[in-house]
Structure formats: structure tokens, C-alpha cells
PDB file of N, CA and C in Angstrom:
ATOM      1  N   UNK A   1       0.877  -1.088   0.080  1.00  0.00           N
ATOM      2  CA  UNK A   1       0.105  -0.295  -0.169  1.00  0.00           C
ATOM      3  C   UNK A   1       0.841   1.468   0.006  1.00  0.00           C
ATOM      4  N   UNK A   2       0.535   2.194  -0.852  1.00  0.00           N
ATOM      5  CA  UNK A   2       1.438   3.314  -1.108  1.00  0.00           C
ATOM      6  C   UNK A   2       1.410   4.296  -0.083  1.00  0.00           C
ATOM      7  N   UNK A   3       1.896   5.106   0.274  1.00  0.00           N
ATOM      8  CA  UNK A   3       2.021   6.071   1.468  1.00  0.00           C
ATOM      9  C   UNK A   3       0.323   7.119   1.377  1.00  0.00           C
ATOM     10  N   UNK A   4       0.461   7.488   0.310  1.00  0.00           N
ATOM     11  CA  UNK A   4      -0.627   8.094   0.006  1.00  0.00           C
ATOM     12  C   UNK A   4      -2.025   7.322   0.293  1.00  0.00           C
ATOM     13  N   UNK A   5      -2.172   6.168  -0.281  1.00  0.00           N
ATOM     14  CA  UNK A   5      -3.387   5.160   0.263  1.00  0.00           C
ATOM     15  C   UNK A   5      -3.244   5.243   1.806  1.00  0.00           C
ATOM     16  N   UNK A   6      -2.198   4.991   2.421  1.00  0.00           N
ATOM     17  CA  UNK A   6      -2.065   4.875   3.733  1.00  0.00           C
ATOM     18  C   UNK A   6      -2.500   6.190   4.308  1.00  0.00           C
ATOM     19  N   UNK A   7      -2.537   7.258   3.735  1.00  0.00           N
ATOM     20  CA  UNK A   7      -2.809   8.693   4.346  1.00  0.00           C
ATOM     21  C   UNK A   7      -4.542   8.690   4.108  1.00  0.00           C
ATOM     22  N   UNK A   8      -5.253   8.014   2.878  1.00  0.00           N
ATOM     23  CA  UNK A   8      -6.402   8.342   2.721  1.00  0.00           C
ATOM     24  C   UNK A   8      -6.861   7.456   3.715  1.00  0.00           C
ATOM     25  N   UNK A   9      -6.240   6.238   4.125  1.00  0.00           N
ATOM     26  CA  UNK A   9      -7.307   5.227   5.137  1.00  0.00           C
ATOM     27  C   UNK A   9      -7.179   6.200   6.445  1.00  0.00           C
ATOM     28  N   UNK A  10      -5.970   6.669   6.983  1.00  0.00           N
ATOM     29  CA  UNK A  10      -5.823   7.166   8.201  1.00  0.00           C
ATOM     30  C   UNK A  10      -6.649   8.739   8.325  1.00  0.00           C
ATOM     31  N   UNK A  11      -6.903   9.473   7.169  1.00  0.00           N
ATOM     32  CA  UNK A  11      -7.750  10.582   7.404  1.00  0.00           C
ATOM     33  C   UNK A  11      -9.569   9.997   7.544  1.00  0.00           C
ATOM     34  N   UNK A  12      -9.951   8.744   7.198  1.00  0.00           N
ATOM     35  CA  UNK A  12     -11.217   8.452   7.116  1.00  0.00           C
ATOM     36  C   UNK A  12     -11.495   8.493   8.586  1.00  0.00           C
ATOM     37  N   UNK A  13     -10.440   8.144   9.586  1.00  0.00           N
ATOM     38  CA  UNK A  13     -10.576   7.563  10.703  1.00  0.00           C
ATOM     39  C   UNK A  13     -10.780   8.527  11.688  1.00  0.00           C
ATOM     40  N   UNK A  14     -10.746   9.971  11.281  1.00  0.00           N
ATOM     41  CA  UNK A  14     -10.582  11.375  11.488  1.00  0.00           C
ATOM     42  C   UNK A  14      -9.696  11.406  12.877  1.00  0.00           C
ATOM     43  N   UNK A  15      -8.529  11.221  12.686  1.00  0.00           N
ATOM     44  CA  UNK A  15      -7.728  11.109  13.834  1.00  0.00           C
ATOM     45  C   UNK A  15      -7.473  12.588  14.783  1.00  0.00           C
ATOM     46  N   UNK A  16      -7.234  12.529  15.521  1.00  0.00           N
ATOM     47  CA  UNK A  16      -7.165  13.879  16.611  1.00  0.00           C
ATOM     48  C   UNK A  16      -5.804  14.636  16.120  1.00  0.00           C
ATOM     49  N   UNK A  17      -4.444  13.777  15.452  1.00  0.00           N
ATOM     50  CA  UNK A  17      -3.339  14.106  15.567  1.00  0.00           C
ATOM     51  C   UNK A  17      -3.059  13.998  13.850  1.00  0.00           C
ATOM     52  N   UNK A  18      -3.761  14.449  13.145  1.00  0.00           N
ATOM     53  CA  UNK A  18      -3.725  14.441  11.712  1.00  0.00           C
ATOM     54  C   UNK A  18      -3.105  15.902  11.355  1.00  0.00           C
ATOM     55  N   UNK A  19      -2.031  15.641  10.825  1.00  0.00           N
ATOM     56  CA  UNK A  19      -1.336  17.244  10.669  1.00  0.00           C
ATOM     57  C   UNK A  19      -1.464  17.802   9.299  1.00  0.00           C
ATOM     58  N   UNK A  20      -1.389  19.333   9.385  1.00  0.00           N
ATOM     59  CA  UNK A  20      -1.511  20.037   8.088  1.00  0.00           C
ATOM     60  C   UNK A  20      -0.438  19.363   6.867  1.00  0.00           C
ATOM     61  N   UNK A  21       0.723  19.046   7.488  1.00  0.00           N
ATOM     62  CA  UNK A  21       1.749  18.761   6.315  1.00  0.00           C
ATOM     63  C   UNK A  21       0.857  17.360   5.724  1.00  0.00           C
ATOM     64  N   UNK A  22       0.381  16.392   6.774  1.00  0.00           N
ATOM     65  CA  UNK A  22      -0.158  15.513   5.779  1.00  0.00           C
ATOM     66  C   UNK A  22      -1.331  15.627   4.841  1.00  0.00           C
ATOM     67  N   UNK A  23      -2.036  16.582   5.325  1.00  0.00           N
ATOM     68  CA  UNK A  23      -3.399  17.143   4.586  1.00  0.00           C
ATOM     69  C   UNK A  23      -2.993  17.651   3.195  1.00  0.00           C
ATOM     70  N   UNK A  24      -1.639  18.443   3.357  1.00  0.00           N
ATOM     71  CA  UNK A  24      -1.151  19.118   1.887  1.00  0.00           C
ATOM     72  C   UNK A  24      -0.630  18.069   1.292  1.00  0.00           C
ATOM     73  N   UNK A  25      -0.138  17.110   1.571  1.00  0.00           N
ATOM     74  CA  UNK A  25       0.449  15.878   0.594  1.00  0.00           C
ATOM     75  C   UNK A  25      -0.737  15.288   0.309  1.00  0.00           C
ATOM     76  N   UNK A  26      -1.757  14.670   1.018  1.00  0.00           N
ATOM     77  CA  UNK A  26      -2.752  14.297   0.480  1.00  0.00           C
ATOM     78  C   UNK A  26      -3.414  14.930  -0.878  1.00  0.00           C
ATOM     79  N   UNK A  27      -3.640  16.180  -0.275  1.00  0.00           N
ATOM     80  CA  UNK A  27      -4.330  17.348  -1.381  1.00  0.00           C
ATOM     81  C   UNK A  27      -3.351  17.444  -2.757  1.00  0.00           C
ATOM     82  N   UNK A  28      -2.060  17.489  -2.669  1.00  0.00           N
ATOM     83  CA  UNK A  28      -1.329  17.949  -4.075  1.00  0.00           C
ATOM     84  C   UNK A  28      -1.233  16.300  -4.623  1.00  0.00           C
ATOM     85  N   UNK A  29      -1.346  15.243  -3.865  1.00  0.00           N
ATOM     86  CA  UNK A  29      -1.342  13.933  -4.730  1.00  0.00           C
ATOM     87  C   UNK A  29      -2.661  13.851  -5.567  1.00  0.00           C
ATOM     88  N   UNK A  30      -3.719  14.774  -4.904  1.00  0.00           N
ATOM     89  CA  UNK A  30      -5.177  14.389  -5.986  1.00  0.00           C
ATOM     90  C   UNK A  30      -4.909  15.815  -6.930  1.00  0.00           C
ATOM     91  N   UNK A  31      -3.929  16.331  -6.934  1.00  0.00           N
ATOM     92  CA  UNK A  31      -3.909  17.276  -8.063  1.00  0.00           C
ATOM     93  C   UNK A  31      -4.314  18.646  -7.552  1.00  0.00           C
ATOM     94  N   UNK A  32      -4.328  19.165  -6.593  1.00  0.00           N
ATOM     95  CA  UNK A  32      -4.550  20.252  -5.836  1.00  0.00           C
ATOM     96  C   UNK A  32      -3.250  20.999  -5.906  1.00  0.00           C
ATOM     97  N   UNK A  33      -3.425  22.350  -5.747  1.00  0.00           N
ATOM     98  CA  UNK A  33      -2.255  23.376  -5.535  1.00  0.00           C
ATOM     99  C   UNK A  33      -2.559  24.191  -4.163  1.00  0.00           C
ATOM    100  N   UNK A  34      -1.520  24.652  -3.445  1.00  0.00           N
ATOM    101  CA  UNK A  34      -1.987  25.254  -2.120  1.00  0.00           C
ATOM    102  C   UNK A  34      -1.730  26.604  -2.563  1.00  0.00           C
ATOM    103  N   UNK A  35      -2.665  27.470  -2.303  1.00  0.00           N
ATOM    104  CA  UNK A  35      -2.649  29.297  -2.675  1.00  0.00           C
ATOM    105  C   UNK A  35      -2.797  29.807  -1.571  1.00  0.00           C
ATOM    106  N   UNK A  36      -2.265  30.968  -1.233  1.00  0.00           N
ATOM    107  CA  UNK A  36      -2.319  31.941  -0.479  1.00  0.00           C
ATOM    108  C   UNK A  36      -3.666  32.426  -0.907  1.00  0.00           C
ATOM    109  N   UNK A  37      -4.619  33.165   0.153  1.00  0.00           N
ATOM    110  CA  UNK A  37      -5.832  34.062  -0.262  1.00  0.00           C
ATOM    111  C   UNK A  37      -5.276  35.532  -0.056  1.00  0.00           C
ATOM    112  N   UNK A  38      -4.017  35.915   0.046  1.00  0.00           N
ATOM    113  CA  UNK A  38      -3.624  37.263   0.219  1.00  0.00           C
ATOM    114  C   UNK A  38      -3.162  37.899   1.613  1.00  0.00           C
ATOM    115  N   UNK A  39      -2.791  38.646   1.605  1.00  0.00           N
ATOM    116  CA  UNK A  39      -2.251  39.288   2.892  1.00  0.00           C
ATOM    117  C   UNK A  39      -3.069  39.104   4.163  1.00  0.00           C
ATOM    118  N   UNK A  40      -4.481  39.403   3.782  1.00  0.00           N
ATOM    119  CA  UNK A  40      -5.610  39.900   5.026  1.00  0.00           C
ATOM    120  C   UNK A  40      -5.909  38.217   5.200  1.00  0.00           C
ATOM    121  N   UNK A  41      -5.875  36.905   4.832  1.00  0.00           N
ATOM    122  CA  UNK A  41      -6.443  35.594   4.776  1.00  0.00           C
ATOM    123  C   UNK A  41      -6.001  35.068   6.237  1.00  0.00           C
ATOM    124  N   UNK A  42      -5.149  35.452   6.962  1.00  0.00           N
ATOM    125  CA  UNK A  42      -4.509  34.876   8.194  1.00  0.00           C
ATOM    126  C   UNK A  42      -4.241  33.774   7.824  1.00  0.00           C
ATOM    127  N   UNK A  43      -4.798  32.651   8.562  1.00  0.00           N
ATOM    128  CA  UNK A  43      -4.414  31.275   8.284  1.00  0.00           C
ATOM    129  C   UNK A  43      -5.320  30.664   7.603  1.00  0.00           C
ATOM    130  N   UNK A  44      -6.135  31.075   6.906  1.00  0.00           N
ATOM    131  CA  UNK A  44      -6.859  30.010   5.768  1.00  0.00           C
ATOM    132  C   UNK A  44      -5.971  30.037   4.272  1.00  0.00           C
ATOM    133  N   UNK A  45      -6.101  28.990   4.161  1.00  0.00           N
ATOM    134  CA  UNK A  45      -5.496  28.431   2.829  1.00  0.00           C
ATOM    135  C   UNK A  45      -6.392  27.891   2.145  1.00  0.00           C
ATOM    136  N   UNK A  46      -6.136  28.109   0.880  1.00  0.00           N
ATOM    137  CA  UNK A  46      -7.185  27.594  -0.118  1.00  0.00           C
ATOM    138  C   UNK A  46      -6.469  26.432  -1.289  1.00  0.00           C
ATOM    139  N   UNK A  47      -6.906  25.464  -1.357  1.00  0.00           N
ATOM    140  CA  UNK A  47      -6.151  24.371  -2.400  1.00  0.00           C
ATOM    141  C   UNK A  47      -7.045  24.340  -3.519  1.00  0.00           C
ATOM    142  N   UNK A  48      -6.721  24.750  -4.801  1.00  0.00           N
ATOM    143  CA  UNK A  48      -7.453  24.984  -6.161  1.00  0.00           C
ATOM    144  C   UNK A  48      -6.621  23.518  -7.217  1.00  0.00           C
ATOM    145  N   UNK A  49      -8.078  23.302  -7.722  1.00  0.00           N
ATOM    146  CA  UNK A  49      -7.405  22.055  -8.760  1.00  0.00           C
ATOM    147  C   UNK A  49      -7.683  22.571 -10.107  1.00  0.00           C
ATOM    148  N   UNK A  50      -7.190  22.881 -11.101  1.00  0.00           N
ATOM    149  CA  UNK A  50      -7.762  23.391 -12.389  1.00  0.00           C
ATOM    150  C   UNK A  50      -8.051  22.417 -13.278  1.00  0.00           C
ATOM    151  N   UNK A  51      -8.087  21.057 -12.958  1.00  0.00           N
ATOM    152  CA  UNK A  51      -8.695  20.033 -14.188  1.00  0.00           C
ATOM    153  C   UNK A  51     -10.484  20.118 -13.773  1.00  0.00           C
ATOM    154  N   UNK A  52     -10.622  20.620 -12.606  1.00  0.00           N
ATOM    155  CA  UNK A  52     -12.383  20.667 -12.810  1.00  0.00           C
ATOM    156  C   UNK A  52     -12.527  21.518 -11.987  1.00  0.00           C
ATOM    157  N   UNK A  53     -11.576  22.587 -11.462  1.00  0.00           N
ATOM    158  CA  UNK A  53     -11.964  23.991 -10.702  1.00  0.00           C
ATOM    159  C   UNK A  53     -12.524  23.811  -9.414  1.00  0.00           C
ATOM    160  N   UNK A  54     -11.899  22.465  -8.738  1.00  0.00           N
ATOM    161  CA  UNK A  54     -12.407  22.370  -7.400  1.00  0.00           C
ATOM    162  C   UNK A  54     -11.582  23.501  -6.381  1.00  0.00           C
ATOM    163  N   UNK A  55     -12.487  23.655  -5.534  1.00  0.00           N
ATOM    164  CA  UNK A  55     -11.507  24.480  -4.329  1.00  0.00           C
ATOM    165  C   UNK A  55     -11.827  24.219  -3.148  1.00  0.00           C
ATOM    166  N   UNK A  56     -10.605  24.248  -2.219  1.00  0.00           N
ATOM    167  CA  UNK A  56     -11.137  23.194  -0.680  1.00  0.00           C
ATOM    168  C   UNK A  56     -10.175  24.662  -0.177  1.00  0.00           C
ATOM    169  N   UNK A  57     -11.013  25.052   1.148  1.00  0.00           N
ATOM    170  CA  UNK A  57     -10.551  25.881   1.934  1.00  0.00           C
ATOM    171  C   UNK A  57     -10.158  25.053   3.398  1.00  0.00           C
ATOM    172  N   UNK A  58      -8.939  25.474   3.939  1.00  0.00           N
ATOM    173  CA  UNK A  58      -8.741  24.883   4.995  1.00  0.00           C
ATOM    174  C   UNK A  58      -7.983  25.968   6.185  1.00  0.00           C
ATOM    175  N   UNK A  59      -8.152  25.517   7.571  1.00  0.00           N
ATOM    176  CA  UNK A  59      -7.429  26.183   8.175  1.00  0.00           C
ATOM    177  C   UNK A  59      -6.047  25.845   8.830  1.00  0.00           C
ATOM    178  N   UNK A  60      -4.947  26.565   8.503  1.00  0.00           N
ATOM    179  CA  UNK A  60      -3.854  26.469   8.540  1.00  0.00           C
ATOM    180  C   UNK A  60      -3.587  26.335  10.229  1.00  0.00           C
ATOM    181  N   UNK A  61      -3.438  25.383  11.003  1.00  0.00           N
ATOM    182  CA  UNK A  61      -3.280  25.354  12.311  1.00  0.00           C
ATOM    183  C   UNK A  61      -1.729  26.340  12.738  1.00  0.00           C
ATOM    184  N   UNK A  62      -2.019  26.879  13.751  1.00  0.00           N
ATOM    185  CA  UNK A  62      -0.773  27.507  14.113  1.00  0.00           C
ATOM    186  C   UNK A  62      -1.090  27.617  15.740  1.00  0.00           C
ATOM    187  N   UNK A  63       0.232  27.506  16.658  1.00  0.00           N
ATOM    188  CA  UNK A  63       1.399  27.342  16.351  1.00  0.00           C
ATOM    189  C   UNK A  63       1.897  26.211  15.724  1.00  0.00           C
ATOM    190  N   UNK A  64       1.195  25.171  16.049  1.00  0.00           N
ATOM    191  CA  UNK A  64       1.628  23.680  15.713  1.00  0.00           C
ATOM    192  C   UNK A  64       1.501  23.302  14.359  1.00  0.00           C
ATOM    193  N   UNK A  65       1.190  22.105  14.159  1.00  0.00           N
ATOM    194  CA  UNK A  65       1.030  21.694  12.866  1.00  0.00           C
ATOM    195  C   UNK A  65      -0.323  20.917  13.045  1.00  0.00           C
ATOM    196  N   UNK A  66      -0.733  20.233  13.780  1.00  0.00           N
ATOM    197  CA  UNK A  66      -2.044  19.727  14.004  1.00  0.00           C
ATOM    198  C   UNK A  66      -3.368  20.038  13.916  1.00  0.00           C
ATOM    199  N   UNK A  67      -4.067  19.840  12.862  1.00  0.00           N
ATOM    200  CA  UNK A  67      -5.421  20.236  12.497  1.00  0.00           C
ATOM    201  C   UNK A  67      -6.317  19.683  13.709  1.00  0.00           C
ATOM    202  N   UNK A  68      -7.511  20.555  14.049  1.00  0.00           N
ATOM    203  CA  UNK A  68      -8.621  20.772  14.532  1.00  0.00           C
ATOM    204  C   UNK A  68      -9.236  19.383  14.226  1.00  0.00           C
ATOM    205  N   UNK A  69      -9.683  18.741  15.121  1.00  0.00           N
ATOM    206  CA  UNK A  69     -10.791  17.179  14.489  1.00  0.00           C
ATOM    207  C   UNK A  69     -12.081  17.999  13.593  1.00  0.00           C
ATOM    208  N   UNK A  70     -12.250  19.306  13.726  1.00  0.00           N
ATOM    209  CA  UNK A  70     -13.600  19.519  12.834  1.00  0.00           C
ATOM    210  C   UNK A  70     -12.904  19.816  11.538  1.00  0.00           C
ATOM    211  N   UNK A  71     -11.866  19.977  11.348  1.00  0.00           N
ATOM    212  CA  UNK A  71     -11.240  20.785  10.179  1.00  0.00           C
ATOM    213  C   UNK A  71     -11.110  19.477   9.469  1.00  0.00           C
ATOM    214  N   UNK A  72     -10.557  18.369   9.986  1.00  0.00           N
ATOM    215  CA  UNK A  72     -10.410  17.156   9.616  1.00  0.00           C
ATOM    216  C   UNK A  72     -11.620  16.575   9.002  1.00  0.00           C
ATOM    217  N   UNK A  73     -12.608  16.453   9.859  1.00  0.00           N
ATOM    218  CA  UNK A  73     -14.005  16.177   9.146  1.00  0.00           C
ATOM    219  C   UNK A  73     -14.554  16.640   7.925  1.00  0.00           C
ATOM    220  N   UNK A  74     -14.051  18.364   7.921  1.00  0.00           N
ATOM    221  CA  UNK A  74     -14.658  19.102   7.041  1.00  0.00           C
ATOM    222  C   UNK A  74     -13.962  18.635   5.561  1.00  0.00           C
ATOM    223  N   UNK A  75     -12.621  18.137   5.880  1.00  0.00           N
ATOM    224  CA  UNK A  75     -12.100  17.617   4.624  1.00  0.00           C
ATOM    225  C   UNK A  75     -12.461  16.797   4.225  1.00  0.00           C
ATOM    226  N   UNK A  76     -12.795  15.611   4.889  1.00  0.00           N
ATOM    227  CA  UNK A  76     -13.032  13.870   4.601  1.00  0.00           C
ATOM    228  C   UNK A  76     -14.277  14.206   4.004  1.00  0.00           C
ATOM    229  N   UNK A  77     -15.281  15.262   4.525  1.00  0.00           N
ATOM    230  CA  UNK A  77     -16.473  15.194   3.698  1.00  0.00           C
ATOM    231  C   UNK A  77     -16.157  16.020   2.582  1.00  0.00           C
ATOM    232  N   UNK A  78     -15.863  17.166   1.980  1.00  0.00           N
ATOM    233  CA  UNK A  78     -15.321  17.515   0.516  1.00  0.00           C
ATOM    234  C   UNK A  78     -14.887  16.506  -0.006  1.00  0.00           C
ATOM    235  N   UNK A  79     -13.432  15.842   0.564  1.00  0.00           N
ATOM    236  CA  UNK A  79     -13.183  14.830  -0.334  1.00  0.00           C
ATOM    237  C   UNK A  79     -14.195  13.820  -1.111  1.00  0.00           C
ATOM    238  N   UNK A  80     -14.956  13.282   0.285  1.00  0.00           N
ATOM    239  CA  UNK A  80     -16.099  12.241  -0.604  1.00  0.00           C
ATOM    240  C   UNK A  80     -16.993  12.775  -1.504  1.00  0.00           C
ATOM    241  N   UNK A  81     -17.147  14.174  -1.351  1.00  0.00           N
ATOM    242  CA  UNK A  81     -18.519  14.845  -2.225  1.00  0.00           C
ATOM    243  C   UNK A  81     -17.971  14.786  -3.462  1.00  0.00           C
ATOM    244  N   UNK A  82     -16.076  15.080  -3.837  1.00  0.00           N
ATOM    245  CA  UNK A  82     -15.788  15.075  -5.148  1.00  0.00           C
ATOM    246  C   UNK A  82     -15.199  13.704  -5.419  1.00  0.00           C
ATOM    247  N   UNK A  83     -15.567  12.583  -4.806  1.00  0.00           N
ATOM    248  CA  UNK A  83     -15.051  11.415  -5.092  1.00  0.00           C
ATOM    249  C   UNK A  83     -13.718  11.012  -4.781  1.00  0.00           C
ATOM    250  N   UNK A  84     -12.931  11.767  -4.211  1.00  0.00           N
ATOM    251  CA  UNK A  84     -11.738  11.082  -4.034  1.00  0.00           C
ATOM    252  C   UNK A  84     -11.622  10.405  -2.813  1.00  0.00           C
ATOM    253  N   UNK A  85     -12.752  10.332  -1.992  1.00  0.00           N
ATOM    254  CA  UNK A  85     -12.834   9.269  -0.965  1.00  0.00           C
ATOM    255  C   UNK A  85     -13.777   8.494  -1.129  1.00  0.00           C
ATOM    256  N   UNK A  86     -13.940   7.326  -0.674  1.00  0.00           N
ATOM    257  CA  UNK A  86     -15.056   6.490  -0.808  1.00  0.00           C
ATOM    258  C   UNK A  86     -15.699   6.233   0.674  1.00  0.00           C
TER     259      UNK A  86
END
């Protein structure tokens, strides 16, 4: 099983210790690019996939790297809606 497949399985369990770095790696493997929303966006980060114009918004955690559980749930729901997760 590839590392990306392992990440897909892991995120579906809604872990409490899922990191932004893992989310970014997963999103990039699905063809998304991280985009800054501008100077006033704070910790909000946009992931954009040009092939189908999909957009996902994430909260980049600070000062640590672990994402809040609600953010992981939102990401899983979004990835299921666009057919990237089963």
C-alpha cells in the first residue's frame, strides 16, 4: 500500500493528530495546489485543482501543525463529495 493510500485510510478515521503537512501532501497527490488567499487571509489556505476547478478551504493550524478535528471532518466530507474518498 502506497503512502498516499495509507494517508487516505488514516484521514477517514478522523484522527486527533492529523497534521496540516499530511493534509497538504494528500491534497497535492490529488492534483490540488496550495494558494495563499492574500495578505488578509490569516491562516486560511485555499487548495485549487485546475482540472475541474475544485476549491477547498482549510485552516492552517498555528503555532503547531496538528489540525483541529472539525477541520479534518470537513476535509473528509469534501473529499467524499468530489469522489476522492469512498
